[in-house]
Amino acid sequence: MKKVLMYDVKEFSTIKEMLENSGEEFADRSAFVIKHKNGKEVSYENITYEQFIRNANSLGTSMMNMGYQGKKIAIIGKNRYEWVLAFSAIIRRSRNCSTTR
């Protein structure tokens, strides 16, 4: 059976490279939609790729300024935007990054 390419696929060698590309290519698109609950009131917040990359850079810079560069950092938490933000901040500012389940 002949393989048919349906669309162009960009290949990335690292997650860091993929994040940088997404931030540039999809800057004004929603990367995350966060649900906020206040009692029975529910609202949603859209985070664009540009906002996400800017937040990750800010957090990463703050962590470097606090002396965390080159240190081992564990992120413990639920599956949510803040966890992804922290992970992205760390990998964008580090040379080596490994993950453990």
N, C-alpha and C. Protein backbone atom coordinates (compact mmCIF):
# COMPACT_ATOMS: atom_id res chain seq x y z
N MET A 1 0.84 -1.17 0.00
CA MET A 1 0.00 0.00 0.00
C MET A 1 0.89 1.25 0.00
N LYS A 2 0.58 2.18 -0.84
CA LYS A 2 1.36 3.40 -0.97
C LYS A 2 0.95 4.40 0.12
N LYS A 3 1.95 5.01 0.78
CA LYS A 3 1.67 6.01 1.80
C LYS A 3 1.36 7.34 1.14
N VAL A 4 0.29 7.97 1.58
CA VAL A 4 -0.12 9.26 1.04
C VAL A 4 0.02 10.29 2.15
N LEU A 5 0.77 11.33 1.87
CA LEU A 5 0.97 12.40 2.84
C LEU A 5 -0.21 13.36 2.77
N MET A 6 -0.95 13.48 3.86
CA MET A 6 -2.14 14.32 3.89
C MET A 6 -1.79 15.79 4.15
N TYR A 7 -0.71 16.04 4.87
CA TYR A 7 -0.30 17.41 5.18
C TYR A 7 1.18 17.39 5.56
N ASP A 8 1.79 18.56 5.51
CA ASP A 8 3.20 18.67 5.86
C ASP A 8 3.35 18.51 7.38
N VAL A 9 4.35 17.76 7.77
CA VAL A 9 4.63 17.54 9.18
C VAL A 9 6.02 18.05 9.48
N LYS A 10 6.13 18.93 10.44
CA LYS A 10 7.45 19.41 10.86
C LYS A 10 8.01 18.43 11.88
N GLU A 11 9.27 18.14 11.74
CA GLU A 11 9.93 17.25 12.69
C GLU A 11 10.77 18.08 13.64
N PHE A 12 10.71 17.72 14.90
CA PHE A 12 11.48 18.40 15.94
C PHE A 12 12.33 17.39 16.67
N SER A 13 13.51 17.82 17.09
CA SER A 13 14.38 16.90 17.82
C SER A 13 14.19 17.03 19.33
N THR A 14 13.59 18.14 19.79
CA THR A 14 13.35 18.34 21.22
C THR A 14 12.00 19.00 21.47
N ILE A 15 11.50 18.85 22.68
CA ILE A 15 10.26 19.54 23.07
C ILE A 15 10.51 21.05 23.07
N LYS A 16 11.69 21.44 23.50
CA LYS A 16 12.07 22.86 23.53
C LYS A 16 11.93 23.48 22.13
N GLU A 17 12.42 22.79 21.13
CA GLU A 17 12.33 23.24 19.75
C GLU A 17 10.87 23.33 19.29
N MET A 18 10.07 22.36 19.68
CA MET A 18 8.66 22.35 19.32
C MET A 18 7.93 23.53 19.97
N LEU A 19 8.22 23.82 21.23
CA LEU A 19 7.59 24.95 21.91
C LEU A 19 7.94 26.27 21.24
N GLU A 20 9.21 26.45 20.91
CA GLU A 20 9.64 27.69 20.26
C GLU A 20 8.94 27.87 18.92
N ASN A 21 8.85 26.80 18.14
CA ASN A 21 8.18 26.87 16.85
C ASN A 21 6.70 27.19 17.01
N SER A 22 6.04 26.53 17.94
CA SER A 22 4.61 26.76 18.17
C SER A 22 4.35 28.19 18.60
N GLY A 23 5.22 28.73 19.46
CA GLY A 23 5.07 30.11 19.90
C GLY A 23 5.16 31.10 18.76
N GLU A 24 5.99 30.81 17.78
CA GLU A 24 6.14 31.69 16.62
C GLU A 24 5.02 31.47 15.60
N GLU A 25 4.75 30.22 15.28
CA GLU A 25 3.81 29.91 14.21
C GLU A 25 2.34 30.12 14.59
N PHE A 26 2.01 29.87 15.85
CA PHE A 26 0.61 29.95 16.29
C PHE A 26 0.40 31.01 17.36
N ALA A 27 1.18 32.06 17.36
CA ALA A 27 1.20 33.06 18.43
C ALA A 27 -0.17 33.52 18.90
N ASP A 28 -1.08 33.78 17.98
CA ASP A 28 -2.38 34.34 18.36
C ASP A 28 -3.47 33.29 18.56
N ARG A 29 -3.12 32.02 18.46
CA ARG A 29 -4.11 30.95 18.66
C ARG A 29 -4.11 30.48 20.11
N SER A 30 -5.23 29.92 20.53
CA SER A 30 -5.34 29.40 21.89
C SER A 30 -4.50 28.14 22.06
N ALA A 31 -3.68 28.16 23.09
CA ALA A 31 -2.89 26.97 23.44
C ALA A 31 -3.58 26.22 24.57
N PHE A 32 -4.23 26.96 25.47
CA PHE A 32 -4.91 26.38 26.63
C PHE A 32 -6.21 27.12 26.87
N VAL A 33 -7.19 26.40 27.38
CA VAL A 33 -8.42 27.01 27.87
C VAL A 33 -8.55 26.55 29.32
N ILE A 34 -8.55 27.53 30.22
CA ILE A 34 -8.57 27.23 31.65
C ILE A 34 -9.96 27.50 32.19
N LYS A 35 -10.50 26.53 32.91
CA LYS A 35 -11.82 26.67 33.52
C LYS A 35 -11.64 27.19 34.94
N HIS A 36 -12.35 28.26 35.26
CA HIS A 36 -12.34 28.83 36.61
C HIS A 36 -13.72 28.66 37.24
N LYS A 37 -13.75 28.18 38.48
CA LYS A 37 -15.01 28.03 39.21
C LYS A 37 -14.97 28.94 40.43
N ASN A 38 -16.07 29.65 40.64
CA ASN A 38 -16.24 30.46 41.83
C ASN A 38 -17.66 30.18 42.32
N GLY A 39 -17.77 29.20 43.22
CA GLY A 39 -19.10 28.75 43.63
C GLY A 39 -19.76 28.05 42.45
N LYS A 40 -20.94 28.54 42.08
CA LYS A 40 -21.64 27.97 40.93
C LYS A 40 -21.29 28.69 39.64
N GLU A 41 -20.57 29.79 39.75
CA GLU A 41 -20.19 30.57 38.57
C GLU A 41 -18.96 29.96 37.91
N VAL A 42 -19.06 29.77 36.59
CA VAL A 42 -17.97 29.17 35.82
C VAL A 42 -17.57 30.14 34.71
N SER A 43 -16.25 30.32 34.55
CA SER A 43 -15.75 31.14 33.46
C SER A 43 -14.56 30.43 32.83
N TYR A 44 -14.23 30.86 31.63
CA TYR A 44 -13.12 30.24 30.89
C TYR A 44 -12.13 31.31 30.47
N GLU A 45 -10.86 30.97 30.54
CA GLU A 45 -9.78 31.88 30.15
C GLU A 45 -8.97 31.23 29.04
N ASN A 46 -8.81 31.93 27.94
CA ASN A 46 -7.98 31.45 26.83
C ASN A 46 -6.56 31.96 26.99
N ILE A 47 -5.60 31.07 26.89
CA ILE A 47 -4.19 31.42 26.92
C ILE A 47 -3.63 31.16 25.53
N THR A 48 -3.13 32.20 24.86
CA THR A 48 -2.57 32.02 23.52
C THR A 48 -1.16 31.45 23.64
N TYR A 49 -0.66 30.96 22.53
CA TYR A 49 0.72 30.46 22.50
C TYR A 49 1.69 31.57 22.89
N GLU A 50 1.44 32.78 22.40
CA GLU A 50 2.32 33.91 22.73
C GLU A 50 2.33 34.18 24.23
N GLN A 51 1.15 34.18 24.87
CA GLN A 51 1.07 34.39 26.31
C GLN A 51 1.78 33.25 27.05
N PHE A 52 1.56 32.03 26.60
CA PHE A 52 2.17 30.87 27.24
C PHE A 52 3.69 30.95 27.19
N ILE A 53 4.25 31.25 26.02
CA ILE A 53 5.71 31.35 25.89
C ILE A 53 6.24 32.50 26.75
N ARG A 54 5.53 33.62 26.75
CA ARG A 54 5.95 34.77 27.57
C ARG A 54 5.92 34.41 29.06
N ASN A 55 4.86 33.71 29.50
CA ASN A 55 4.78 33.27 30.90
C ASN A 55 5.88 32.27 31.25
N ALA A 56 6.15 31.34 30.34
CA ALA A 56 7.21 30.35 30.58
C ALA A 56 8.57 31.03 30.66
N ASN A 57 8.82 31.99 29.79
CA ASN A 57 10.09 32.73 29.84
C ASN A 57 10.22 33.52 31.13
N SER A 58 9.14 34.16 31.56
CA SER A 58 9.17 34.95 32.80
C SER A 58 9.44 34.06 34.01
N LEU A 59 8.74 32.93 34.08
CA LEU A 59 8.95 32.01 35.19
C LEU A 59 10.36 31.44 35.16
N GLY A 60 10.83 31.05 33.98
CA GLY A 60 12.19 30.52 33.86
C GLY A 60 13.25 31.53 34.27
N THR A 61 13.08 32.78 33.87
CA THR A 61 14.02 33.84 34.26
C THR A 61 13.99 34.06 35.77
N SER A 62 12.80 34.07 36.35
CA SER A 62 12.68 34.23 37.80
C SER A 62 13.36 33.09 38.54
N MET A 63 13.20 31.87 38.04
CA MET A 63 13.84 30.72 38.68
C MET A 63 15.36 30.82 38.58
N MET A 64 15.86 31.29 37.44
CA MET A 64 17.31 31.49 37.29
C MET A 64 17.81 32.54 38.26
N ASN A 65 17.06 33.63 38.39
CA ASN A 65 17.45 34.71 39.30
C ASN A 65 17.42 34.26 40.75
N MET A 66 16.62 33.26 41.05
CA MET A 66 16.55 32.72 42.42
C MET A 66 17.64 31.68 42.68
N GLY A 67 18.45 31.39 41.66
CA GLY A 67 19.57 30.48 41.85
C GLY A 67 19.28 29.03 41.49
N TYR A 68 18.23 28.76 40.72
CA TYR A 68 17.89 27.39 40.38
C TYR A 68 18.55 26.87 39.11
N GLN A 69 19.30 27.69 38.41
CA GLN A 69 19.94 27.23 37.18
C GLN A 69 20.94 26.13 37.51
N GLY A 70 20.87 25.03 36.76
CA GLY A 70 21.78 23.91 36.98
C GLY A 70 21.38 23.01 38.13
N LYS A 71 20.26 23.28 38.78
CA LYS A 71 19.79 22.48 39.91
C LYS A 71 18.77 21.46 39.43
N LYS A 72 18.58 20.42 40.20
CA LYS A 72 17.54 19.44 39.94
C LYS A 72 16.24 19.98 40.51
N ILE A 73 15.20 19.94 39.68
CA ILE A 73 13.91 20.49 40.09
C ILE A 73 12.84 19.44 39.86
N ALA A 74 12.01 19.22 40.86
CA ALA A 74 10.88 18.30 40.74
C ALA A 74 9.60 19.12 40.68
N ILE A 75 8.71 18.71 39.81
CA ILE A 75 7.40 19.35 39.72
C ILE A 75 6.37 18.31 40.14
N ILE A 76 5.68 18.59 41.21
CA ILE A 76 4.67 17.66 41.71
C ILE A 76 3.34 18.40 41.69
N GLY A 77 2.38 17.82 41.02
CA GLY A 77 1.08 18.47 40.98
C GLY A 77 0.13 17.73 40.05
N LYS A 78 -1.07 18.25 40.01
CA LYS A 78 -2.10 17.68 39.15
C LYS A 78 -1.88 18.13 37.71
N ASN A 79 -2.57 17.46 36.81
CA ASN A 79 -2.50 17.78 35.39
C ASN A 79 -3.26 19.09 35.16
N ARG A 80 -2.50 20.18 35.07
CA ARG A 80 -3.12 21.49 34.90
C ARG A 80 -2.14 22.45 34.25
N TYR A 81 -2.62 23.62 33.88
CA TYR A 81 -1.82 24.61 33.16
C TYR A 81 -0.54 24.96 33.93
N GLU A 82 -0.63 25.17 35.22
CA GLU A 82 0.54 25.58 36.01
C GLU A 82 1.66 24.53 35.95
N TRP A 83 1.30 23.26 35.90
CA TRP A 83 2.32 22.21 35.81
C TRP A 83 3.02 22.30 34.46
N VAL A 84 2.25 22.42 33.39
CA VAL A 84 2.83 22.52 32.04
C VAL A 84 3.69 23.78 31.93
N LEU A 85 3.23 24.87 32.53
CA LEU A 85 3.99 26.12 32.52
C LEU A 85 5.33 25.95 33.22
N ALA A 86 5.32 25.34 34.40
CA ALA A 86 6.57 25.11 35.15
C ALA A 86 7.52 24.21 34.36
N PHE A 87 6.99 23.12 33.81
CA PHE A 87 7.82 22.20 33.02
C PHE A 87 8.43 22.92 31.82
N SER A 88 7.61 23.70 31.13
CA SER A 88 8.09 24.43 29.95
C SER A 88 9.13 25.47 30.32
N ALA A 89 8.93 26.15 31.43
CA ALA A 89 9.91 27.14 31.89
C ALA A 89 11.26 26.47 32.16
N ILE A 90 11.21 25.30 32.77
CA ILE A 90 12.45 24.58 33.10
C ILE A 90 13.16 24.11 31.84
N ILE A 91 12.43 23.50 30.91
CA ILE A 91 13.12 22.97 29.72
C ILE A 91 13.59 24.08 28.80
N ARG A 92 12.91 25.22 28.79
CA ARG A 92 13.34 26.34 27.94
C ARG A 92 14.63 26.96 28.49
N ARG A 93 14.89 26.84 29.77
CA ARG A 93 16.07 27.46 30.38
C ARG A 93 17.19 26.48 30.68
N SER A 94 16.96 25.20 30.42
CA SER A 94 18.00 24.22 30.77
C SER A 94 18.63 23.60 29.53
N ARG A 95 19.83 23.13 29.70
CA ARG A 95 20.51 22.42 28.61
C ARG A 95 20.13 20.96 28.61
N ASN A 96 19.98 20.40 29.79
CA ASN A 96 19.62 18.98 29.93
C ASN A 96 18.35 18.88 30.73
N CYS A 97 17.47 18.01 30.30
CA CYS A 97 16.22 17.82 31.02
C CYS A 97 15.80 16.37 30.88
N SER A 98 15.47 15.75 31.98
CA SER A 98 14.96 14.38 31.91
C SER A 98 13.67 14.33 32.69
N THR A 99 12.82 13.41 32.33
CA THR A 99 11.55 13.26 33.01
C THR A 99 11.43 11.87 33.58
N THR A 100 10.70 11.75 34.66
CA THR A 100 10.44 10.48 35.31
C THR A 100 8.96 10.40 35.60
N ARG A 101 8.38 9.26 35.40
CA ARG A 101 6.96 9.09 35.71
C ARG A 101 6.76 8.85 37.16
